[in-house]
Amino acid sequence: MIVVTDGESDDTISTRHAAELARANGIVMFSVGVGSRVNQNELSTIATSPDCTHVFTVTNYEEIKAIKEEIQKSSCQAPVYIKYNVTYTCEIQKCPPMALITTPGGATLETNMTCGLGNVYTAFTNPYPGESFYEVVKQTSNENPGVLFRNSSSTQTLYINVVDALKSTTSSEGCIVHI
């Protein structure tokens, strides 16, 4: 969802709650501030993290055209939401970023691969966890399935990204990942 504003909402608390509810239901939020009177904190409150890919400011409505491609690129790379107790399968080089809405108490991810070796990166704060920015990483393979528990005290979105751990050497090309 893209929220475009040229100022500050009349009810910042309701705006924050609406954005939190949308994100809790798996909606990736972008915010665009137009002009010089926008509230940067409110743009950040509305948008999904990180701000660098989900918050934009422009000086006028014409400039929205200039950021259109960047928003399209970010939204097309939005995480695929997976469900509890449902196995998601993908080829390691083609696995999209994923997300899981956790419940209070946390979530356990079980992963395995048909061959090769994968790294499962997770984060609550970054929709695109990877080698340079993640909170927890777990390796998975056909011989050693990965089991990863992420604790949470409230309903949160857990972001997941599976990467070929052998990409710089022998590669796990064609290997299937089950999450």
N, C-alpha and C. Protein backbone atom coordinates (compact mmCIF):
# COMPACT_ATOMS: atom_id res chain seq x y z
N MET A 1 0.85 -1.16 0.00
CA MET A 1 0.00 0.00 0.00
C MET A 1 0.90 1.23 0.00
N ILE A 2 0.52 2.23 -0.76
CA ILE A 2 1.28 3.48 -0.82
C ILE A 2 0.42 4.59 -0.26
N VAL A 3 0.94 5.26 0.77
CA VAL A 3 0.25 6.40 1.38
C VAL A 3 0.98 7.66 0.94
N VAL A 4 0.24 8.58 0.31
CA VAL A 4 0.80 9.86 -0.13
C VAL A 4 0.19 10.95 0.73
N THR A 5 1.04 11.82 1.30
CA THR A 5 0.55 12.88 2.17
C THR A 5 1.31 14.17 1.91
N ASP A 6 0.64 15.29 2.13
CA ASP A 6 1.31 16.58 1.96
C ASP A 6 1.38 17.35 3.28
N GLY A 7 1.29 16.63 4.36
CA GLY A 7 1.34 17.29 5.66
C GLY A 7 1.41 16.28 6.78
N GLU A 8 0.60 16.49 7.79
CA GLU A 8 0.55 15.63 8.96
C GLU A 8 -0.91 15.25 9.18
N SER A 9 -1.15 14.02 9.60
CA SER A 9 -2.53 13.60 9.82
C SER A 9 -3.15 14.35 10.99
N ASP A 10 -4.48 14.41 10.99
CA ASP A 10 -5.20 15.06 12.09
C ASP A 10 -5.16 14.23 13.36
N ASP A 11 -4.97 12.92 13.20
CA ASP A 11 -4.98 12.01 14.34
C ASP A 11 -3.80 11.05 14.21
N THR A 12 -2.66 11.43 14.74
CA THR A 12 -1.44 10.62 14.58
C THR A 12 -1.55 9.25 15.23
N ILE A 13 -2.30 9.16 16.31
CA ILE A 13 -2.47 7.86 16.99
C ILE A 13 -3.25 6.90 16.11
N SER A 14 -4.35 7.37 15.52
CA SER A 14 -5.13 6.51 14.62
C SER A 14 -4.33 6.13 13.38
N THR A 15 -3.54 7.06 12.88
CA THR A 15 -2.69 6.76 11.72
C THR A 15 -1.70 5.66 12.07
N ARG A 16 -1.04 5.77 13.22
CA ARG A 16 -0.08 4.76 13.65
C ARG A 16 -0.76 3.40 13.81
N HIS A 17 -1.93 3.38 14.45
CA HIS A 17 -2.64 2.11 14.67
C HIS A 17 -3.06 1.48 13.34
N ALA A 18 -3.54 2.29 12.40
CA ALA A 18 -3.95 1.77 11.09
C ALA A 18 -2.75 1.17 10.35
N ALA A 19 -1.60 1.83 10.41
CA ALA A 19 -0.39 1.31 9.76
C ALA A 19 0.06 0.02 10.42
N GLU A 20 0.02 -0.04 11.75
CA GLU A 20 0.41 -1.26 12.47
C GLU A 20 -0.52 -2.42 12.11
N LEU A 21 -1.82 -2.14 12.02
CA LEU A 21 -2.79 -3.18 11.66
C LEU A 21 -2.53 -3.69 10.24
N ALA A 22 -2.27 -2.77 9.33
CA ALA A 22 -1.99 -3.17 7.95
C ALA A 22 -0.75 -4.06 7.89
N ARG A 23 0.32 -3.65 8.55
CA ARG A 23 1.55 -4.46 8.54
C ARG A 23 1.32 -5.81 9.21
N ALA A 24 0.55 -5.84 10.29
CA ALA A 24 0.26 -7.11 10.98
C ALA A 24 -0.53 -8.07 10.09
N ASN A 25 -1.23 -7.52 9.10
CA ASN A 25 -1.99 -8.34 8.16
C ASN A 25 -1.23 -8.61 6.87
N GLY A 26 0.07 -8.37 6.89
CA GLY A 26 0.90 -8.72 5.76
C GLY A 26 0.98 -7.69 4.65
N ILE A 27 0.53 -6.49 4.90
CA ILE A 27 0.57 -5.44 3.88
C ILE A 27 1.89 -4.68 4.02
N VAL A 28 2.64 -4.60 2.94
CA VAL A 28 3.88 -3.83 2.92
C VAL A 28 3.50 -2.38 2.65
N MET A 29 3.93 -1.49 3.54
CA MET A 29 3.53 -0.08 3.49
C MET A 29 4.67 0.81 2.99
N PHE A 30 4.34 1.69 2.05
CA PHE A 30 5.24 2.74 1.57
C PHE A 30 4.60 4.07 1.93
N SER A 31 5.42 5.06 2.25
CA SER A 31 4.89 6.41 2.48
C SER A 31 5.66 7.40 1.63
N VAL A 32 4.89 8.35 1.06
CA VAL A 32 5.47 9.39 0.22
C VAL A 32 5.01 10.73 0.78
N GLY A 33 5.96 11.55 1.17
CA GLY A 33 5.66 12.90 1.66
C GLY A 33 5.90 13.90 0.55
N VAL A 34 4.92 14.79 0.33
CA VAL A 34 5.01 15.78 -0.74
C VAL A 34 5.08 17.17 -0.13
N GLY A 35 6.12 17.92 -0.48
CA GLY A 35 6.24 19.29 0.01
C GLY A 35 7.14 19.41 1.22
N SER A 36 7.15 20.61 1.79
CA SER A 36 8.06 20.90 2.90
C SER A 36 7.41 20.78 4.27
N ARG A 37 6.10 20.49 4.31
CA ARG A 37 5.40 20.45 5.60
C ARG A 37 5.09 19.04 6.07
N VAL A 38 5.77 18.05 5.52
CA VAL A 38 5.50 16.66 5.93
C VAL A 38 6.19 16.37 7.25
N ASN A 39 5.61 15.46 7.98
CA ASN A 39 6.17 15.03 9.26
C ASN A 39 6.97 13.75 8.99
N GLN A 40 8.29 13.86 9.01
CA GLN A 40 9.16 12.73 8.70
C GLN A 40 8.94 11.56 9.66
N ASN A 41 8.71 11.85 10.93
CA ASN A 41 8.45 10.78 11.90
C ASN A 41 7.19 10.01 11.54
N GLU A 42 6.15 10.73 11.10
CA GLU A 42 4.92 10.05 10.73
C GLU A 42 5.10 9.21 9.47
N LEU A 43 5.89 9.70 8.50
CA LEU A 43 6.18 8.89 7.32
C LEU A 43 6.85 7.58 7.73
N SER A 44 7.79 7.66 8.67
CA SER A 44 8.47 6.46 9.15
C SER A 44 7.53 5.54 9.91
N THR A 45 6.60 6.12 10.67
CA THR A 45 5.62 5.33 11.42
C THR A 45 4.71 4.56 10.48
N ILE A 46 4.34 5.17 9.37
CA ILE A 46 3.44 4.54 8.40
C ILE A 46 4.13 3.41 7.66
N ALA A 47 5.37 3.62 7.25
CA ALA A 47 6.05 2.71 6.33
C ALA A 47 6.59 1.46 7.01
N THR A 48 6.72 0.41 6.22
CA THR A 48 7.41 -0.80 6.62
C THR A 48 8.90 -0.48 6.69
N SER A 49 9.61 -1.12 7.61
CA SER A 49 11.07 -0.93 7.69
C SER A 49 11.75 -1.67 6.55
N PRO A 50 12.89 -1.24 6.10
CA PRO A 50 13.62 -0.05 6.52
C PRO A 50 13.15 1.19 5.76
N ASP A 51 13.33 2.33 6.37
CA ASP A 51 12.93 3.60 5.77
C ASP A 51 13.60 3.85 4.42
N CYS A 52 14.83 3.39 4.26
CA CYS A 52 15.58 3.69 3.04
C CYS A 52 14.92 3.12 1.78
N THR A 53 14.06 2.12 1.92
CA THR A 53 13.37 1.56 0.76
C THR A 53 11.86 1.77 0.79
N HIS A 54 11.33 2.33 1.87
CA HIS A 54 9.88 2.45 2.01
C HIS A 54 9.38 3.86 2.30
N VAL A 55 10.27 4.82 2.53
CA VAL A 55 9.88 6.20 2.81
C VAL A 55 10.50 7.10 1.75
N PHE A 56 9.67 7.94 1.14
CA PHE A 56 10.13 8.84 0.10
C PHE A 56 9.61 10.24 0.39
N THR A 57 10.40 11.25 0.03
CA THR A 57 9.93 12.63 0.09
C THR A 57 10.24 13.31 -1.23
N VAL A 58 9.29 14.10 -1.71
CA VAL A 58 9.45 14.86 -2.95
C VAL A 58 8.96 16.28 -2.69
N THR A 59 9.41 17.22 -3.51
CA THR A 59 9.01 18.61 -3.28
C THR A 59 7.64 18.94 -3.86
N ASN A 60 7.20 18.17 -4.90
CA ASN A 60 5.87 18.41 -5.48
C ASN A 60 5.34 17.12 -6.08
N TYR A 61 4.07 17.14 -6.46
CA TYR A 61 3.43 15.92 -6.97
C TYR A 61 4.03 15.44 -8.28
N GLU A 62 4.56 16.35 -9.10
CA GLU A 62 5.20 15.96 -10.35
C GLU A 62 6.40 15.04 -10.11
N GLU A 63 7.09 15.25 -9.00
CA GLU A 63 8.29 14.45 -8.70
C GLU A 63 7.96 13.00 -8.34
N ILE A 64 6.70 12.71 -8.09
CA ILE A 64 6.33 11.32 -7.81
C ILE A 64 6.68 10.44 -9.00
N LYS A 65 6.58 10.99 -10.20
CA LYS A 65 6.94 10.23 -11.41
C LYS A 65 8.39 9.75 -11.34
N ALA A 66 9.26 10.57 -10.73
CA ALA A 66 10.68 10.23 -10.66
C ALA A 66 10.94 9.04 -9.73
N ILE A 67 10.10 8.84 -8.73
CA ILE A 67 10.32 7.72 -7.79
C ILE A 67 9.44 6.52 -8.11
N LYS A 68 8.62 6.64 -9.14
CA LYS A 68 7.69 5.56 -9.52
C LYS A 68 8.42 4.23 -9.73
N GLU A 69 9.50 4.26 -10.49
CA GLU A 69 10.23 3.02 -10.79
C GLU A 69 10.82 2.40 -9.52
N GLU A 70 11.34 3.24 -8.64
CA GLU A 70 11.91 2.72 -7.40
C GLU A 70 10.84 2.08 -6.52
N ILE A 71 9.67 2.71 -6.45
CA ILE A 71 8.57 2.13 -5.68
C ILE A 71 8.11 0.82 -6.31
N GLN A 72 8.00 0.80 -7.64
CA GLN A 72 7.60 -0.43 -8.32
C GLN A 72 8.60 -1.55 -8.05
N LYS A 73 9.88 -1.23 -8.12
CA LYS A 73 10.92 -2.24 -7.88
C LYS A 73 10.81 -2.77 -6.45
N SER A 74 10.67 -1.87 -5.49
CA SER A 74 10.57 -2.29 -4.09
C SER A 74 9.31 -3.10 -3.85
N SER A 75 8.20 -2.69 -4.45
CA SER A 75 6.95 -3.41 -4.20
C SER A 75 6.93 -4.76 -4.90
N CYS A 76 7.61 -4.87 -6.03
CA CYS A 76 7.67 -6.17 -6.72
C CYS A 76 8.58 -7.14 -5.98
N GLN A 77 9.48 -6.62 -5.17
CA GLN A 77 10.35 -7.47 -4.37
C GLN A 77 9.79 -7.67 -2.97
N ALA A 78 8.55 -7.27 -2.76
CA ALA A 78 7.95 -7.39 -1.44
C ALA A 78 7.93 -8.87 -1.03
N PRO A 79 8.11 -9.15 0.24
CA PRO A 79 8.15 -10.53 0.70
C PRO A 79 6.85 -11.30 0.41
N VAL A 80 7.00 -12.59 0.16
CA VAL A 80 5.87 -13.50 0.01
C VAL A 80 5.48 -13.97 1.41
N TYR A 81 4.23 -13.79 1.78
CA TYR A 81 3.80 -14.19 3.12
C TYR A 81 3.47 -15.67 3.13
N ILE A 82 4.11 -16.39 4.05
CA ILE A 82 3.88 -17.81 4.21
C ILE A 82 3.04 -18.02 5.46
N LYS A 83 2.44 -19.22 5.56
CA LYS A 83 1.53 -19.50 6.67
C LYS A 83 2.11 -20.59 7.57
N TYR A 84 1.65 -20.58 8.82
CA TYR A 84 2.03 -21.63 9.77
C TYR A 84 1.58 -22.98 9.25
N ASN A 85 2.39 -24.00 9.51
CA ASN A 85 2.07 -25.40 9.21
C ASN A 85 1.80 -25.66 7.74
N VAL A 86 2.32 -24.80 6.87
CA VAL A 86 2.23 -25.01 5.43
C VAL A 86 3.66 -24.96 4.89
N THR A 87 4.06 -25.99 4.15
CA THR A 87 5.42 -26.03 3.62
C THR A 87 5.50 -25.19 2.36
N TYR A 88 6.48 -24.30 2.33
CA TYR A 88 6.74 -23.48 1.15
C TYR A 88 7.99 -24.05 0.49
N THR A 89 7.96 -24.25 -0.82
CA THR A 89 9.06 -24.86 -1.55
C THR A 89 9.52 -23.94 -2.67
N CYS A 90 10.84 -23.81 -2.82
CA CYS A 90 11.39 -23.01 -3.92
C CYS A 90 12.79 -23.50 -4.26
N GLU A 91 13.24 -23.19 -5.48
CA GLU A 91 14.62 -23.47 -5.87
C GLU A 91 15.50 -22.39 -5.25
N ILE A 92 16.64 -22.78 -4.70
CA ILE A 92 17.43 -21.85 -3.88
C ILE A 92 17.75 -20.53 -4.58
N GLN A 93 18.10 -20.55 -5.87
CA GLN A 93 18.41 -19.28 -6.54
C GLN A 93 17.15 -18.46 -6.83
N LYS A 94 15.99 -19.06 -6.70
CA LYS A 94 14.74 -18.37 -7.05
C LYS A 94 13.83 -18.13 -5.85
N CYS A 95 14.31 -18.39 -4.65
CA CYS A 95 13.49 -18.16 -3.45
C CYS A 95 13.29 -16.66 -3.25
N PRO A 96 12.04 -16.23 -3.15
CA PRO A 96 11.80 -14.81 -2.90
C PRO A 96 12.00 -14.51 -1.41
N PRO A 97 12.12 -13.23 -1.06
CA PRO A 97 12.08 -12.91 0.37
C PRO A 97 10.72 -13.36 0.91
N MET A 98 10.68 -13.85 2.12
CA MET A 98 9.44 -14.35 2.70
C MET A 98 9.15 -13.64 4.01
N ALA A 99 7.91 -13.77 4.47
CA ALA A 99 7.51 -13.19 5.75
C ALA A 99 6.49 -14.10 6.40
N LEU A 100 6.50 -14.10 7.72
CA LEU A 100 5.57 -14.90 8.51
C LEU A 100 5.06 -14.02 9.64
N ILE A 101 3.75 -13.95 9.79
CA ILE A 101 3.16 -13.21 10.90
C ILE A 101 3.26 -14.11 12.13
N THR A 102 4.05 -13.70 13.11
CA THR A 102 4.23 -14.50 14.31
C THR A 102 3.12 -14.20 15.32
N THR A 103 2.96 -15.11 16.24
CA THR A 103 2.02 -14.90 17.34
C THR A 103 2.82 -14.65 18.61
N PRO A 104 2.18 -14.11 19.65
CA PRO A 104 2.91 -13.96 20.91
C PRO A 104 3.46 -15.33 21.33
N GLY A 105 4.71 -15.36 21.69
CA GLY A 105 5.36 -16.62 22.02
C GLY A 105 6.38 -17.02 20.97
N GLY A 106 6.26 -16.47 19.76
CA GLY A 106 7.27 -16.71 18.75
C GLY A 106 6.87 -17.70 17.69
N ALA A 107 7.86 -18.10 16.89
CA ALA A 107 7.64 -19.01 15.78
C ALA A 107 8.87 -19.89 15.59
N THR A 108 8.63 -21.12 15.17
CA THR A 108 9.70 -22.05 14.86
C THR A 108 9.68 -22.32 13.36
N LEU A 109 10.83 -22.13 12.71
CA LEU A 109 10.97 -22.43 11.29
C LEU A 109 11.78 -23.71 11.15
N GLU A 110 11.29 -24.62 10.34
CA GLU A 110 12.02 -25.84 10.03
C GLU A 110 12.36 -25.80 8.55
N THR A 111 13.63 -25.97 8.21
CA THR A 111 14.05 -25.91 6.82
C THR A 111 14.91 -27.11 6.47
N ASN A 112 14.82 -27.53 5.22
CA ASN A 112 15.75 -28.53 4.71
C ASN A 112 15.89 -28.33 3.21
N MET A 113 16.91 -28.96 2.64
CA MET A 113 17.20 -28.84 1.22
C MET A 113 17.39 -30.22 0.62
N THR A 114 17.14 -30.33 -0.68
CA THR A 114 17.34 -31.61 -1.36
C THR A 114 18.82 -31.88 -1.60
N CYS A 115 19.63 -30.83 -1.67
CA CYS A 115 21.08 -30.94 -1.86
C CYS A 115 21.69 -29.59 -1.51
N GLY A 116 23.00 -29.52 -1.46
CA GLY A 116 23.65 -28.24 -1.22
C GLY A 116 23.54 -27.74 0.20
N LEU A 117 23.78 -26.44 0.36
CA LEU A 117 23.80 -25.80 1.67
C LEU A 117 23.21 -24.40 1.55
N GLY A 118 22.31 -24.07 2.46
CA GLY A 118 21.68 -22.75 2.44
C GLY A 118 21.80 -22.04 3.77
N ASN A 119 21.78 -20.73 3.71
CA ASN A 119 21.72 -19.90 4.91
C ASN A 119 20.33 -19.28 4.98
N VAL A 120 19.67 -19.43 6.12
CA VAL A 120 18.35 -18.86 6.34
C VAL A 120 18.54 -17.64 7.23
N TYR A 121 18.39 -16.45 6.64
CA TYR A 121 18.53 -15.20 7.38
C TYR A 121 17.16 -14.73 7.83
N THR A 122 17.05 -14.27 9.08
CA THR A 122 15.77 -13.77 9.59
C THR A 122 15.98 -12.44 10.31
N ALA A 123 14.90 -11.65 10.32
CA ALA A 123 14.91 -10.37 11.03
C ALA A 123 13.47 -9.92 11.25
N PHE A 124 13.24 -9.24 12.35
CA PHE A 124 11.95 -8.60 12.59
C PHE A 124 11.95 -7.17 12.06
N THR A 125 13.13 -6.60 11.86
CA THR A 125 13.22 -5.17 11.53
C THR A 125 13.57 -4.88 10.08
N ASN A 126 13.93 -5.88 9.29
CA ASN A 126 14.35 -5.67 7.91
C ASN A 126 13.65 -6.66 6.99
N PRO A 127 12.83 -6.18 6.03
CA PRO A 127 12.12 -7.09 5.13
C PRO A 127 13.02 -7.88 4.19
N TYR A 128 14.29 -7.51 4.11
CA TYR A 128 15.22 -8.18 3.20
C TYR A 128 16.50 -8.59 3.93
N PRO A 129 16.39 -9.48 4.93
CA PRO A 129 17.61 -9.87 5.65
C PRO A 129 18.56 -10.61 4.71
N GLY A 130 19.84 -10.45 4.95
CA GLY A 130 20.85 -11.10 4.13
C GLY A 130 22.19 -11.06 4.83
N GLU A 131 23.25 -11.35 4.09
CA GLU A 131 24.59 -11.46 4.66
C GLU A 131 25.02 -10.22 5.43
N SER A 132 24.62 -9.04 4.98
CA SER A 132 25.11 -7.83 5.62
C SER A 132 24.18 -7.27 6.69
N PHE A 133 22.91 -7.68 6.70
CA PHE A 133 22.00 -7.14 7.70
C PHE A 133 20.95 -8.19 8.06
N TYR A 134 21.15 -8.83 9.20
CA TYR A 134 20.22 -9.85 9.68
C TYR A 134 20.30 -9.88 11.20
N GLU A 135 19.33 -10.56 11.82
CA GLU A 135 19.35 -10.71 13.27
C GLU A 135 19.80 -12.11 13.67
N VAL A 136 19.31 -13.13 12.94
CA VAL A 136 19.69 -14.52 13.21
C VAL A 136 19.87 -15.23 11.88
N VAL A 137 20.90 -16.07 11.78
CA VAL A 137 21.12 -16.89 10.60
C VAL A 137 21.24 -18.35 11.03
N LYS A 138 20.72 -19.26 10.21
CA LYS A 138 20.79 -20.70 10.48
C LYS A 138 21.10 -21.41 9.18
N GLN A 139 22.05 -22.35 9.20
CA GLN A 139 22.35 -23.12 8.00
C GLN A 139 21.40 -24.31 7.89
N THR A 140 21.14 -24.71 6.65
CA THR A 140 20.27 -25.85 6.39
C THR A 140 20.84 -26.64 5.22
N SER A 141 20.64 -27.96 5.26
CA SER A 141 21.09 -28.84 4.17
C SER A 141 20.23 -30.09 4.18
N ASN A 142 20.51 -31.00 3.24
CA ASN A 142 19.76 -32.26 3.24
C ASN A 142 20.19 -33.15 4.40
N GLU A 143 21.44 -33.02 4.85
CA GLU A 143 21.94 -33.84 5.95
C GLU A 143 21.63 -33.24 7.32
N ASN A 144 21.54 -31.93 7.39
CA ASN A 144 21.28 -31.23 8.65
C ASN A 144 20.17 -30.19 8.48
N PRO A 145 18.92 -30.62 8.60
CA PRO A 145 17.83 -29.65 8.49
C PRO A 145 17.98 -28.56 9.55
N GLY A 146 17.57 -27.38 9.22
CA GLY A 146 17.67 -26.26 10.15
C GLY A 146 16.39 -26.08 10.95
N VAL A 147 16.53 -25.86 12.23
CA VAL A 147 15.40 -25.53 13.10
C VAL A 147 15.75 -24.23 13.79
N LEU A 148 14.90 -23.25 13.63
CA LEU A 148 15.17 -21.91 14.13
C LEU A 148 13.95 -21.39 14.87
N PHE A 149 14.14 -21.00 16.13
CA PHE A 149 13.05 -20.42 16.92
C PHE A 149 13.31 -18.94 17.08
N ARG A 150 12.29 -18.12 16.80
CA ARG A 150 12.37 -16.67 17.02
C ARG A 150 11.30 -16.30 18.02
N ASN A 151 11.70 -15.79 19.15
CA ASN A 151 10.78 -15.41 20.21
C ASN A 151 10.20 -14.03 19.93
N SER A 152 8.92 -13.86 20.24
CA SER A 152 8.30 -12.54 20.14
C SER A 152 7.21 -12.44 21.20
N SER A 153 7.13 -11.28 21.80
CA SER A 153 6.14 -11.08 22.86
C SER A 153 4.81 -10.57 22.32
N SER A 154 4.79 -10.25 21.03
CA SER A 154 3.55 -9.76 20.42
C SER A 154 3.50 -10.24 18.97
N THR A 155 2.39 -9.97 18.31
CA THR A 155 2.27 -10.30 16.90
C THR A 155 3.23 -9.41 16.11
N GLN A 156 4.13 -10.04 15.37
CA GLN A 156 5.11 -9.31 14.57
C GLN A 156 5.30 -10.02 13.24
N THR A 157 5.89 -9.32 12.30
CA THR A 157 6.25 -9.93 11.03
C THR A 157 7.71 -10.37 11.10
N LEU A 158 7.94 -11.65 10.85
CA LEU A 158 9.29 -12.20 10.78
C LEU A 158 9.66 -12.31 9.31
N TYR A 159 10.74 -11.64 8.92
CA TYR A 159 11.19 -11.66 7.54
C TYR A 159 12.26 -12.73 7.38
N ILE A 160 12.19 -13.46 6.25
CA ILE A 160 13.03 -14.63 6.02
C ILE A 160 13.63 -14.54 4.62
N ASN A 161 14.91 -14.86 4.51
CA ASN A 161 15.55 -14.89 3.20
C ASN A 161 16.51 -16.08 3.17
N VAL A 162 16.37 -16.93 2.16
CA VAL A 162 17.22 -18.11 2.02
C VAL A 162 18.22 -17.85 0.90
N VAL A 163 19.50 -18.05 1.21
CA VAL A 163 20.58 -17.75 0.27
C VAL A 163 21.48 -18.98 0.12
N ASP A 164 21.95 -19.21 -1.08
CA ASP A 164 22.89 -20.30 -1.36
C ASP A 164 24.20 -20.05 -0.62
N ALA A 165 24.52 -20.89 0.35
CA ALA A 165 25.75 -20.72 1.13
C ALA A 165 26.99 -21.13 0.34
N LEU A 166 26.79 -21.81 -0.78
CA LEU A 166 27.92 -22.27 -1.59
C LEU A 166 28.09 -21.46 -2.87
N LYS A 167 27.40 -20.34 -2.98
CA LYS A 167 27.38 -19.59 -4.24
C LYS A 167 28.77 -19.15 -4.71
N SER A 168 29.70 -18.95 -3.80
CA SER A 168 31.04 -18.49 -4.21
C SER A 168 31.98 -19.65 -4.54
N THR A 169 31.53 -20.90 -4.30
CA THR A 169 32.39 -22.05 -4.59
C THR A 169 31.68 -23.00 -5.54
N THR A 170 31.13 -24.08 -5.02
CA THR A 170 30.53 -25.11 -5.87
C THR A 170 29.09 -24.84 -6.25
N SER A 171 28.39 -24.03 -5.51
CA SER A 171 27.00 -23.65 -5.76
C SER A 171 26.01 -24.76 -5.41
N SER A 172 24.83 -24.35 -5.02
CA SER A 172 23.73 -25.27 -4.72
C SER A 172 22.66 -25.14 -5.80
N GLU A 173 23.07 -24.76 -7.00
CA GLU A 173 22.14 -24.51 -8.09
C GLU A 173 21.23 -25.72 -8.32
N GLY A 174 19.94 -25.45 -8.48
CA GLY A 174 18.96 -26.50 -8.72
C GLY A 174 18.44 -27.17 -7.46
N CYS A 175 19.04 -26.89 -6.33
CA CYS A 175 18.61 -27.51 -5.07
C CYS A 175 17.30 -26.88 -4.61
N ILE A 176 16.45 -27.70 -4.03
CA ILE A 176 15.13 -27.27 -3.58
C ILE A 176 15.16 -27.06 -2.07
N VAL A 177 14.56 -25.95 -1.65
CA VAL A 177 14.46 -25.60 -0.23
C VAL A 177 13.02 -25.81 0.21
N HIS A 178 12.83 -26.42 1.38
CA HIS A 178 11.51 -26.58 1.99
C HIS A 178 11.51 -25.82 3.31
N ILE A 179 10.54 -24.93 3.47
CA ILE A 179 10.43 -24.15 4.71
C ILE A 179 9.08 -24.44 5.33
